[in-house]
């Protein structure tokens, strides 16, 4: 297991918009607006979720911790906020919006000149209680990777039956957990 390092996180966080652009731009709607089961998100919904998280979670919570390092309380985050935008806004527009927001977030992260001591400062998560800045920033990075995995898994599962016997070799096509 790795300990959090800003430079390593930055290497992932700055790539996410480009990965999403490469993966989602100019795709037929079936790839963007189908989920892999009831209550599961479509790739376009995941993208909207990433936009909302970029607006409301990472930098606002980072700044709250840095301003009030002894228990800054985080507001709750509605994970499915603005999902209607997934159907009403062109994916290219969502991708551009996410890239712009991410660029600003990374500028904010770099400009704060976070020290090793800062990484141990805490905020109060509404569900988990005390969390450190290092945990928040690590989660931001893992969150990106988790949602990239979610998008590709959802897309792959559109062909669960079409692959025929090869399904036995494609773990990504295993049924979604309840």
N, C-alpha and C. Protein backbone atom coordinates (compact mmCIF):
# COMPACT_ATOMS: atom_id res chain seq x y z
N UNK A 1 0.83 -1.19 0.00
CA UNK A 1 0.00 0.00 0.00
C UNK A 1 0.88 1.25 0.00
N UNK A 2 0.40 2.25 -0.67
CA UNK A 2 1.14 3.51 -0.76
C UNK A 2 0.60 4.52 0.22
N UNK A 3 1.47 5.36 0.72
CA UNK A 3 1.05 6.52 1.48
C UNK A 3 0.76 7.63 0.47
N UNK A 4 -0.10 8.55 0.86
CA UNK A 4 -0.48 9.62 -0.04
C UNK A 4 0.70 10.53 -0.37
N UNK A 5 0.80 10.89 -1.65
CA UNK A 5 1.79 11.87 -2.12
C UNK A 5 1.11 12.75 -3.16
N UNK A 6 1.17 14.04 -2.96
CA UNK A 6 0.48 14.98 -3.86
C UNK A 6 0.92 14.80 -5.31
N UNK A 7 2.21 14.67 -5.55
CA UNK A 7 2.69 14.55 -6.93
C UNK A 7 2.14 13.29 -7.60
N UNK A 8 2.04 12.20 -6.85
CA UNK A 8 1.50 10.97 -7.41
C UNK A 8 0.00 11.10 -7.68
N UNK A 9 -0.71 11.74 -6.78
CA UNK A 9 -2.15 11.97 -6.99
C UNK A 9 -2.36 12.87 -8.20
N UNK A 10 -1.58 13.92 -8.29
CA UNK A 10 -1.68 14.85 -9.42
C UNK A 10 -1.51 14.12 -10.75
N UNK A 11 -0.63 13.15 -10.79
CA UNK A 11 -0.38 12.41 -12.03
C UNK A 11 -1.63 11.68 -12.51
N UNK A 12 -2.47 11.23 -11.57
CA UNK A 12 -3.74 10.59 -11.94
C UNK A 12 -4.79 11.65 -12.23
N UNK A 13 -4.94 12.59 -11.30
CA UNK A 13 -6.03 13.58 -11.38
C UNK A 13 -5.96 14.40 -12.66
N UNK A 14 -4.77 14.73 -13.12
CA UNK A 14 -4.67 15.55 -14.34
C UNK A 14 -4.98 14.76 -15.60
N UNK A 15 -4.91 13.44 -15.53
CA UNK A 15 -5.18 12.62 -16.70
C UNK A 15 -6.65 12.27 -16.88
N UNK A 16 -7.42 12.31 -15.81
CA UNK A 16 -8.81 11.85 -15.88
C UNK A 16 -9.62 12.55 -16.96
N UNK A 17 -9.57 13.88 -17.11
CA UNK A 17 -10.37 14.49 -18.18
C UNK A 17 -10.01 13.96 -19.57
N UNK A 18 -8.74 13.75 -19.84
CA UNK A 18 -8.33 13.23 -21.14
C UNK A 18 -8.77 11.80 -21.37
N UNK A 19 -8.71 10.99 -20.31
CA UNK A 19 -9.18 9.61 -20.42
C UNK A 19 -10.67 9.60 -20.73
N UNK A 20 -11.44 10.41 -20.02
CA UNK A 20 -12.87 10.49 -20.27
C UNK A 20 -13.16 10.99 -21.68
N UNK A 21 -12.42 11.98 -22.12
CA UNK A 21 -12.58 12.51 -23.48
C UNK A 21 -12.34 11.41 -24.50
N UNK A 22 -11.24 10.69 -24.37
CA UNK A 22 -10.93 9.61 -25.30
C UNK A 22 -11.98 8.51 -25.28
N UNK A 23 -12.49 8.23 -24.12
CA UNK A 23 -13.42 7.12 -23.95
C UNK A 23 -14.83 7.43 -24.42
N UNK A 24 -15.29 8.67 -24.21
CA UNK A 24 -16.71 8.97 -24.38
C UNK A 24 -17.09 9.85 -25.57
N UNK A 25 -16.15 10.62 -26.11
CA UNK A 25 -16.52 11.55 -27.16
C UNK A 25 -16.95 10.82 -28.43
N UNK A 26 -17.97 11.33 -29.08
CA UNK A 26 -18.47 10.82 -30.35
C UNK A 26 -18.98 9.38 -30.32
N UNK A 27 -19.42 8.93 -29.17
CA UNK A 27 -20.00 7.58 -29.09
C UNK A 27 -21.50 7.64 -29.36
N UNK A 28 -22.04 6.56 -29.93
CA UNK A 28 -23.49 6.47 -30.05
C UNK A 28 -24.13 6.49 -28.65
N UNK A 29 -25.34 7.01 -28.57
CA UNK A 29 -26.04 7.15 -27.30
C UNK A 29 -26.13 5.86 -26.50
N UNK A 30 -26.22 4.72 -27.17
CA UNK A 30 -26.36 3.45 -26.46
C UNK A 30 -25.18 3.23 -25.49
N UNK A 31 -24.00 3.68 -25.84
CA UNK A 31 -22.84 3.52 -24.96
C UNK A 31 -22.87 4.49 -23.79
N UNK A 32 -23.53 5.62 -23.97
CA UNK A 32 -23.53 6.68 -22.96
C UNK A 32 -24.69 6.64 -22.00
N UNK A 33 -25.81 6.08 -22.44
CA UNK A 33 -27.04 6.21 -21.67
C UNK A 33 -27.65 4.88 -21.25
N UNK A 34 -26.87 3.83 -21.26
CA UNK A 34 -27.32 2.53 -20.76
C UNK A 34 -26.55 2.18 -19.49
N UNK A 35 -27.25 1.61 -18.53
CA UNK A 35 -26.59 1.15 -17.31
C UNK A 35 -26.41 -0.36 -17.39
N UNK A 36 -25.82 -0.92 -16.37
CA UNK A 36 -25.64 -2.38 -16.36
C UNK A 36 -26.56 -3.04 -15.33
N UNK A 37 -27.63 -2.35 -15.01
CA UNK A 37 -28.62 -2.95 -14.11
C UNK A 37 -29.43 -1.89 -13.39
N UNK A 38 -30.51 -2.32 -12.77
CA UNK A 38 -31.37 -1.39 -12.03
C UNK A 38 -30.59 -0.69 -10.91
N UNK A 39 -30.80 0.60 -10.81
CA UNK A 39 -30.13 1.37 -9.77
C UNK A 39 -28.66 1.65 -10.04
N UNK A 40 -28.18 1.26 -11.21
CA UNK A 40 -26.78 1.48 -11.57
C UNK A 40 -26.71 2.70 -12.49
N UNK A 41 -25.57 3.36 -12.52
CA UNK A 41 -25.41 4.59 -13.28
C UNK A 41 -24.95 4.33 -14.71
N UNK A 42 -25.38 5.20 -15.61
CA UNK A 42 -24.89 5.18 -16.98
C UNK A 42 -23.56 5.93 -17.03
N UNK A 43 -22.76 5.73 -18.09
CA UNK A 43 -21.53 6.52 -18.21
C UNK A 43 -21.79 8.03 -18.16
N UNK A 44 -22.86 8.50 -18.80
CA UNK A 44 -23.16 9.94 -18.77
C UNK A 44 -23.50 10.39 -17.35
N UNK A 45 -24.21 9.57 -16.59
CA UNK A 45 -24.51 9.91 -15.20
C UNK A 45 -23.25 9.95 -14.35
N UNK A 46 -22.34 9.03 -14.59
CA UNK A 46 -21.06 9.06 -13.87
C UNK A 46 -20.34 10.38 -14.16
N UNK A 47 -20.35 10.80 -15.40
CA UNK A 47 -19.71 12.06 -15.77
C UNK A 47 -20.35 13.24 -15.04
N UNK A 48 -21.67 13.27 -14.97
CA UNK A 48 -22.35 14.34 -14.22
C UNK A 48 -21.97 14.27 -12.75
N UNK A 49 -21.90 13.08 -12.20
CA UNK A 49 -21.47 12.91 -10.80
C UNK A 49 -20.06 13.47 -10.59
N UNK A 50 -19.16 13.18 -11.51
CA UNK A 50 -17.80 13.71 -11.40
C UNK A 50 -17.78 15.24 -11.43
N UNK A 51 -18.62 15.82 -12.25
CA UNK A 51 -18.73 17.29 -12.32
C UNK A 51 -19.21 17.84 -10.99
N UNK A 52 -20.27 17.26 -10.46
CA UNK A 52 -20.81 17.74 -9.19
C UNK A 52 -19.81 17.55 -8.05
N UNK A 53 -19.09 16.43 -8.05
CA UNK A 53 -18.06 16.20 -7.03
C UNK A 53 -16.94 17.23 -7.16
N UNK A 54 -16.61 17.56 -8.37
CA UNK A 54 -15.55 18.56 -8.60
C UNK A 54 -15.97 19.92 -8.05
N UNK A 55 -17.23 20.26 -8.22
CA UNK A 55 -17.75 21.53 -7.72
C UNK A 55 -17.84 21.57 -6.20
N UNK A 56 -18.34 20.48 -5.62
CA UNK A 56 -18.76 20.52 -4.22
C UNK A 56 -17.85 19.82 -3.22
N UNK A 57 -17.02 18.89 -3.67
CA UNK A 57 -16.30 18.06 -2.70
C UNK A 57 -14.85 18.44 -2.47
N UNK A 58 -14.03 18.22 -3.46
CA UNK A 58 -12.59 18.13 -3.22
C UNK A 58 -11.96 19.43 -2.76
N UNK A 59 -12.02 20.46 -3.56
CA UNK A 59 -11.39 21.73 -3.17
C UNK A 59 -12.15 22.41 -2.04
N UNK A 60 -13.48 22.45 -2.06
CA UNK A 60 -14.16 23.06 -0.92
C UNK A 60 -13.84 22.38 0.41
N UNK A 61 -13.77 21.06 0.42
CA UNK A 61 -13.44 20.35 1.66
C UNK A 61 -11.97 20.53 2.02
N UNK A 62 -11.09 20.52 1.02
CA UNK A 62 -9.67 20.77 1.28
C UNK A 62 -9.51 22.15 1.92
N UNK A 63 -10.14 23.15 1.35
CA UNK A 63 -10.03 24.50 1.89
C UNK A 63 -10.63 24.61 3.28
N UNK A 64 -11.73 23.90 3.53
CA UNK A 64 -12.33 23.91 4.87
C UNK A 64 -11.35 23.35 5.90
N UNK A 65 -10.68 22.27 5.55
CA UNK A 65 -9.69 21.68 6.46
C UNK A 65 -8.53 22.64 6.68
N UNK A 66 -8.04 23.24 5.62
CA UNK A 66 -6.89 24.14 5.76
C UNK A 66 -7.24 25.42 6.53
N UNK A 67 -8.48 25.89 6.42
CA UNK A 67 -8.90 27.10 7.14
C UNK A 67 -9.20 26.82 8.60
N UNK A 68 -9.83 25.68 8.88
CA UNK A 68 -10.25 25.34 10.23
C UNK A 68 -9.82 23.92 10.53
N UNK A 69 -8.53 23.72 10.79
CA UNK A 69 -7.96 22.38 10.84
C UNK A 69 -8.42 21.50 12.00
N UNK A 70 -9.26 22.01 12.87
CA UNK A 70 -9.70 21.20 14.00
C UNK A 70 -11.19 20.95 13.92
N UNK A 71 -11.59 20.22 12.93
CA UNK A 71 -12.98 19.80 12.86
C UNK A 71 -13.89 20.59 11.95
N UNK A 72 -13.39 21.12 10.86
CA UNK A 72 -14.27 21.78 9.89
C UNK A 72 -15.33 20.77 9.46
N UNK A 73 -16.60 21.16 9.56
CA UNK A 73 -17.69 20.24 9.22
C UNK A 73 -18.02 20.34 7.74
N UNK A 74 -18.05 19.19 7.09
CA UNK A 74 -18.41 19.12 5.68
C UNK A 74 -19.93 19.03 5.55
N UNK A 75 -20.47 19.67 4.55
CA UNK A 75 -21.89 19.50 4.26
C UNK A 75 -22.08 18.19 3.50
N UNK A 76 -23.29 17.69 3.57
CA UNK A 76 -23.62 16.44 2.88
C UNK A 76 -23.53 16.64 1.37
N UNK A 77 -23.29 15.56 0.66
CA UNK A 77 -23.17 15.59 -0.79
C UNK A 77 -24.21 14.65 -1.38
N UNK A 78 -25.02 15.18 -2.26
CA UNK A 78 -26.03 14.38 -2.95
C UNK A 78 -25.37 13.72 -4.16
N UNK A 79 -25.12 12.43 -4.07
CA UNK A 79 -24.35 11.71 -5.08
C UNK A 79 -25.01 11.70 -6.47
N UNK A 80 -26.33 11.80 -6.52
CA UNK A 80 -27.02 11.75 -7.81
C UNK A 80 -27.58 13.11 -8.21
N UNK A 81 -26.99 14.15 -7.69
CA UNK A 81 -27.44 15.51 -7.98
C UNK A 81 -27.28 15.82 -9.47
N UNK A 82 -28.31 16.43 -10.03
CA UNK A 82 -28.32 16.90 -11.41
C UNK A 82 -28.18 15.81 -12.46
N UNK A 83 -28.57 14.58 -12.14
CA UNK A 83 -28.47 13.49 -13.12
C UNK A 83 -29.27 13.76 -14.38
N UNK A 84 -30.29 14.62 -14.29
CA UNK A 84 -31.06 14.95 -15.49
C UNK A 84 -30.16 15.53 -16.58
N UNK A 85 -29.05 16.16 -16.19
CA UNK A 85 -28.12 16.72 -17.18
C UNK A 85 -27.49 15.64 -18.05
N UNK A 86 -27.44 14.42 -17.56
CA UNK A 86 -26.86 13.32 -18.34
C UNK A 86 -27.61 13.09 -19.64
N UNK A 87 -28.90 13.37 -19.65
CA UNK A 87 -29.73 13.18 -20.85
C UNK A 87 -29.95 14.48 -21.62
N UNK A 88 -29.82 15.61 -20.95
CA UNK A 88 -30.19 16.88 -21.59
C UNK A 88 -29.00 17.71 -22.08
N UNK A 89 -27.80 17.36 -21.66
CA UNK A 89 -26.61 18.12 -22.05
C UNK A 89 -25.73 17.23 -22.92
N UNK A 90 -25.28 17.71 -24.06
CA UNK A 90 -24.38 16.90 -24.90
C UNK A 90 -23.13 16.47 -24.11
N UNK A 91 -22.73 15.23 -24.33
CA UNK A 91 -21.58 14.70 -23.60
C UNK A 91 -20.33 15.55 -23.82
N UNK A 92 -20.14 16.06 -25.03
CA UNK A 92 -18.96 16.91 -25.27
C UNK A 92 -18.99 18.13 -24.36
N UNK A 93 -20.16 18.71 -24.15
CA UNK A 93 -20.26 19.86 -23.25
C UNK A 93 -19.94 19.46 -21.81
N UNK A 94 -20.41 18.29 -21.39
CA UNK A 94 -20.09 17.80 -20.04
C UNK A 94 -18.59 17.54 -19.89
N UNK A 95 -17.99 16.96 -20.92
CA UNK A 95 -16.55 16.70 -20.88
C UNK A 95 -15.76 18.00 -20.78
N UNK A 96 -16.16 19.00 -21.54
CA UNK A 96 -15.48 20.30 -21.50
C UNK A 96 -15.64 20.94 -20.13
N UNK A 97 -16.85 20.86 -19.59
CA UNK A 97 -17.10 21.43 -18.26
C UNK A 97 -16.24 20.73 -17.20
N UNK A 98 -16.18 19.40 -17.26
CA UNK A 98 -15.37 18.67 -16.30
C UNK A 98 -13.90 19.04 -16.43
N UNK A 99 -13.40 19.10 -17.64
CA UNK A 99 -11.99 19.44 -17.86
C UNK A 99 -11.67 20.83 -17.31
N UNK A 100 -12.56 21.77 -17.50
CA UNK A 100 -12.37 23.14 -17.00
C UNK A 100 -12.36 23.15 -15.48
N UNK A 101 -13.34 22.47 -14.88
CA UNK A 101 -13.41 22.40 -13.42
C UNK A 101 -12.18 21.71 -12.85
N UNK A 102 -11.76 20.63 -13.47
CA UNK A 102 -10.59 19.89 -12.97
C UNK A 102 -9.33 20.74 -13.05
N UNK A 103 -9.17 21.46 -14.14
CA UNK A 103 -8.02 22.34 -14.28
C UNK A 103 -7.97 23.34 -13.13
N UNK A 104 -9.12 23.94 -12.82
CA UNK A 104 -9.18 24.87 -11.71
C UNK A 104 -8.90 24.21 -10.37
N UNK A 105 -9.40 23.00 -10.19
CA UNK A 105 -9.16 22.27 -8.95
C UNK A 105 -7.68 21.95 -8.77
N UNK A 106 -7.04 21.52 -9.84
CA UNK A 106 -5.62 21.21 -9.74
C UNK A 106 -4.79 22.47 -9.50
N UNK A 107 -5.20 23.57 -10.10
CA UNK A 107 -4.52 24.83 -9.82
C UNK A 107 -4.66 25.17 -8.33
N UNK A 108 -5.85 24.99 -7.79
CA UNK A 108 -6.07 25.25 -6.36
C UNK A 108 -5.22 24.32 -5.50
N UNK A 109 -5.18 23.05 -5.84
CA UNK A 109 -4.39 22.09 -5.07
C UNK A 109 -2.91 22.49 -5.06
N UNK A 110 -2.40 22.82 -6.22
CA UNK A 110 -0.98 23.19 -6.32
C UNK A 110 -0.69 24.52 -5.63
N UNK A 111 -1.61 25.45 -5.68
CA UNK A 111 -1.35 26.78 -5.13
C UNK A 111 -1.44 26.83 -3.60
N UNK A 112 -2.02 25.82 -2.97
CA UNK A 112 -2.15 25.83 -1.51
C UNK A 112 -0.83 25.51 -0.81
N UNK A 113 0.12 25.00 -1.54
CA UNK A 113 1.43 24.64 -0.96
C UNK A 113 1.25 23.82 0.32
N UNK A 114 0.57 22.73 0.18
CA UNK A 114 0.25 21.86 1.31
C UNK A 114 1.51 21.21 1.86
N UNK A 115 1.66 21.26 3.18
CA UNK A 115 2.82 20.67 3.85
C UNK A 115 2.47 19.29 4.38
N UNK A 116 3.50 18.57 4.80
CA UNK A 116 3.28 17.25 5.42
C UNK A 116 2.42 17.38 6.66
N UNK A 117 2.58 18.44 7.40
CA UNK A 117 1.77 18.68 8.60
C UNK A 117 0.31 18.92 8.22
N UNK A 118 0.09 19.67 7.14
CA UNK A 118 -1.28 19.93 6.69
C UNK A 118 -2.05 18.65 6.40
N UNK A 119 -1.36 17.63 5.92
CA UNK A 119 -2.02 16.38 5.55
C UNK A 119 -2.67 15.69 6.73
N UNK A 120 -2.25 16.03 7.96
CA UNK A 120 -2.82 15.42 9.16
C UNK A 120 -3.97 16.25 9.75
N UNK A 121 -4.24 17.42 9.20
CA UNK A 121 -5.35 18.24 9.67
C UNK A 121 -6.66 17.55 9.30
N UNK A 122 -7.69 17.80 10.09
CA UNK A 122 -8.92 17.04 9.91
C UNK A 122 -10.14 17.91 9.63
N UNK A 123 -11.10 17.27 9.02
CA UNK A 123 -12.44 17.79 8.83
C UNK A 123 -13.41 16.75 9.34
N UNK A 124 -14.67 17.13 9.45
CA UNK A 124 -15.68 16.20 9.95
C UNK A 124 -16.63 15.84 8.81
N UNK A 125 -16.54 14.60 8.37
CA UNK A 125 -17.41 14.08 7.32
C UNK A 125 -18.77 13.77 7.94
N UNK A 126 -19.88 14.08 7.26
CA UNK A 126 -21.19 13.85 7.86
C UNK A 126 -21.51 12.38 8.15
N UNK A 127 -20.84 11.46 7.48
CA UNK A 127 -21.09 10.04 7.72
C UNK A 127 -19.95 9.37 8.48
N UNK A 128 -18.70 9.72 8.15
CA UNK A 128 -17.54 9.02 8.69
C UNK A 128 -16.93 9.66 9.92
N UNK A 129 -17.29 10.90 10.20
CA UNK A 129 -16.66 11.61 11.31
C UNK A 129 -15.32 12.19 10.88
N UNK A 130 -14.34 12.24 11.80
CA UNK A 130 -13.05 12.87 11.47
C UNK A 130 -12.31 12.16 10.33
N UNK A 131 -11.86 12.97 9.38
CA UNK A 131 -11.03 12.48 8.27
C UNK A 131 -9.89 13.48 8.07
N UNK A 132 -8.75 12.98 7.64
CA UNK A 132 -7.61 13.85 7.42
C UNK A 132 -7.60 14.39 6.00
N UNK A 133 -6.83 15.45 5.81
CA UNK A 133 -6.65 15.99 4.47
C UNK A 133 -6.03 14.94 3.56
N UNK A 134 -5.07 14.17 4.06
CA UNK A 134 -4.47 13.11 3.25
C UNK A 134 -5.52 12.10 2.81
N UNK A 135 -6.44 11.75 3.69
CA UNK A 135 -7.50 10.81 3.33
C UNK A 135 -8.42 11.41 2.26
N UNK A 136 -8.77 12.68 2.43
CA UNK A 136 -9.62 13.34 1.44
C UNK A 136 -8.96 13.34 0.07
N UNK A 137 -7.70 13.73 0.00
CA UNK A 137 -7.00 13.82 -1.29
C UNK A 137 -6.74 12.44 -1.88
N UNK A 138 -6.50 11.46 -1.04
CA UNK A 138 -6.36 10.07 -1.52
C UNK A 138 -7.68 9.59 -2.10
N UNK A 139 -8.76 9.93 -1.43
CA UNK A 139 -10.09 9.53 -1.90
C UNK A 139 -10.41 10.17 -3.24
N UNK A 140 -10.03 11.42 -3.41
CA UNK A 140 -10.24 12.11 -4.69
C UNK A 140 -9.61 11.30 -5.82
N UNK A 141 -8.39 10.85 -5.60
CA UNK A 141 -7.66 10.09 -6.61
C UNK A 141 -8.32 8.73 -6.84
N UNK A 142 -8.60 8.00 -5.76
CA UNK A 142 -9.24 6.69 -5.89
C UNK A 142 -10.63 6.81 -6.49
N UNK A 143 -11.33 7.89 -6.16
CA UNK A 143 -12.67 8.16 -6.70
C UNK A 143 -12.62 8.25 -8.23
N UNK A 144 -11.64 8.97 -8.75
CA UNK A 144 -11.49 9.05 -10.21
C UNK A 144 -11.30 7.66 -10.80
N UNK A 145 -10.38 6.89 -10.23
CA UNK A 145 -10.08 5.57 -10.77
C UNK A 145 -11.28 4.63 -10.65
N UNK A 146 -12.00 4.73 -9.53
CA UNK A 146 -13.19 3.89 -9.35
C UNK A 146 -14.24 4.20 -10.41
N UNK A 147 -14.44 5.48 -10.71
CA UNK A 147 -15.46 5.82 -11.70
C UNK A 147 -15.01 5.53 -13.13
N UNK A 148 -13.74 5.59 -13.41
CA UNK A 148 -13.26 5.15 -14.73
C UNK A 148 -13.53 3.65 -14.89
N UNK A 149 -13.28 2.90 -13.83
CA UNK A 149 -13.57 1.47 -13.85
C UNK A 149 -15.06 1.23 -14.03
N UNK A 150 -15.87 2.00 -13.31
CA UNK A 150 -17.32 1.86 -13.40
C UNK A 150 -17.81 2.11 -14.83
N UNK A 151 -17.30 3.14 -15.46
CA UNK A 151 -17.71 3.46 -16.83
C UNK A 151 -17.34 2.33 -17.78
N UNK A 152 -16.12 1.85 -17.73
CA UNK A 152 -15.71 0.80 -18.67
C UNK A 152 -16.43 -0.51 -18.38
N UNK A 153 -16.68 -0.81 -17.10
CA UNK A 153 -17.43 -2.01 -16.76
C UNK A 153 -18.85 -1.92 -17.31
N UNK A 154 -19.49 -0.78 -17.12
CA UNK A 154 -20.85 -0.59 -17.61
C UNK A 154 -20.90 -0.75 -19.12
N UNK A 155 -19.95 -0.18 -19.81
CA UNK A 155 -19.91 -0.29 -21.27
C UNK A 155 -19.66 -1.74 -21.69
N UNK A 156 -18.72 -2.41 -21.06
CA UNK A 156 -18.42 -3.80 -21.43
C UNK A 156 -19.63 -4.69 -21.23
N UNK A 157 -20.39 -4.46 -20.19
CA UNK A 157 -21.54 -5.31 -19.89
C UNK A 157 -22.67 -5.16 -20.90
N UNK A 158 -22.60 -4.17 -21.76
CA UNK A 158 -23.60 -4.07 -22.82
C UNK A 158 -23.49 -5.26 -23.77
N UNK A 159 -22.33 -5.88 -23.81
CA UNK A 159 -22.11 -7.04 -24.69
C UNK A 159 -22.00 -8.35 -23.91
N UNK A 160 -22.55 -8.39 -22.72
CA UNK A 160 -22.46 -9.60 -21.88
C UNK A 160 -22.90 -10.87 -22.60
N UNK A 161 -23.99 -10.79 -23.32
CA UNK A 161 -24.50 -11.96 -24.03
C UNK A 161 -23.84 -12.10 -25.40
N UNK A 162 -23.55 -10.99 -26.03
CA UNK A 162 -23.03 -11.01 -27.41
C UNK A 162 -21.67 -11.69 -27.52
N UNK A 163 -20.89 -11.72 -26.44
CA UNK A 163 -19.55 -12.31 -26.53
C UNK A 163 -19.58 -13.83 -26.54
N UNK A 164 -20.74 -14.40 -26.26
CA UNK A 164 -20.86 -15.85 -26.30
C UNK A 164 -19.96 -16.53 -25.29
N UNK A 165 -19.26 -17.60 -25.71
CA UNK A 165 -18.47 -18.39 -24.76
C UNK A 165 -17.27 -17.65 -24.17
N UNK A 166 -16.83 -16.57 -24.81
CA UNK A 166 -15.70 -15.81 -24.27
C UNK A 166 -16.03 -15.16 -22.92
N UNK A 167 -17.30 -15.11 -22.62
CA UNK A 167 -17.71 -14.52 -21.34
C UNK A 167 -16.95 -15.17 -20.17
N UNK A 168 -16.64 -16.45 -20.30
CA UNK A 168 -15.91 -17.17 -19.24
C UNK A 168 -14.56 -16.53 -18.94
N UNK A 169 -13.98 -15.81 -19.90
CA UNK A 169 -12.66 -15.20 -19.72
C UNK A 169 -12.73 -13.71 -19.42
N UNK A 170 -13.93 -13.16 -19.37
CA UNK A 170 -14.08 -11.72 -19.19
C UNK A 170 -14.72 -11.42 -17.83
N UNK A 171 -13.90 -11.32 -16.80
CA UNK A 171 -14.40 -11.08 -15.45
C UNK A 171 -15.23 -9.80 -15.36
N UNK A 172 -14.94 -8.85 -16.19
CA UNK A 172 -15.68 -7.59 -16.16
C UNK A 172 -17.17 -7.81 -16.45
N UNK A 173 -17.50 -8.93 -17.07
CA UNK A 173 -18.89 -9.21 -17.42
C UNK A 173 -19.64 -9.97 -16.34
N UNK A 174 -18.98 -10.28 -15.22
CA UNK A 174 -19.67 -10.95 -14.14
C UNK A 174 -20.84 -10.10 -13.68
N UNK A 175 -21.91 -10.73 -13.26
CA UNK A 175 -23.11 -9.96 -12.86
C UNK A 175 -22.79 -8.92 -11.80
N UNK A 176 -23.50 -7.81 -11.89
CA UNK A 176 -23.35 -6.73 -10.92
C UNK A 176 -23.79 -7.21 -9.55
N UNK A 177 -23.03 -6.82 -8.53
CA UNK A 177 -23.41 -7.16 -7.15
C UNK A 177 -24.65 -6.36 -6.77
N UNK A 178 -25.45 -6.95 -5.95
CA UNK A 178 -26.70 -6.27 -5.54
C UNK A 178 -26.42 -5.09 -4.62
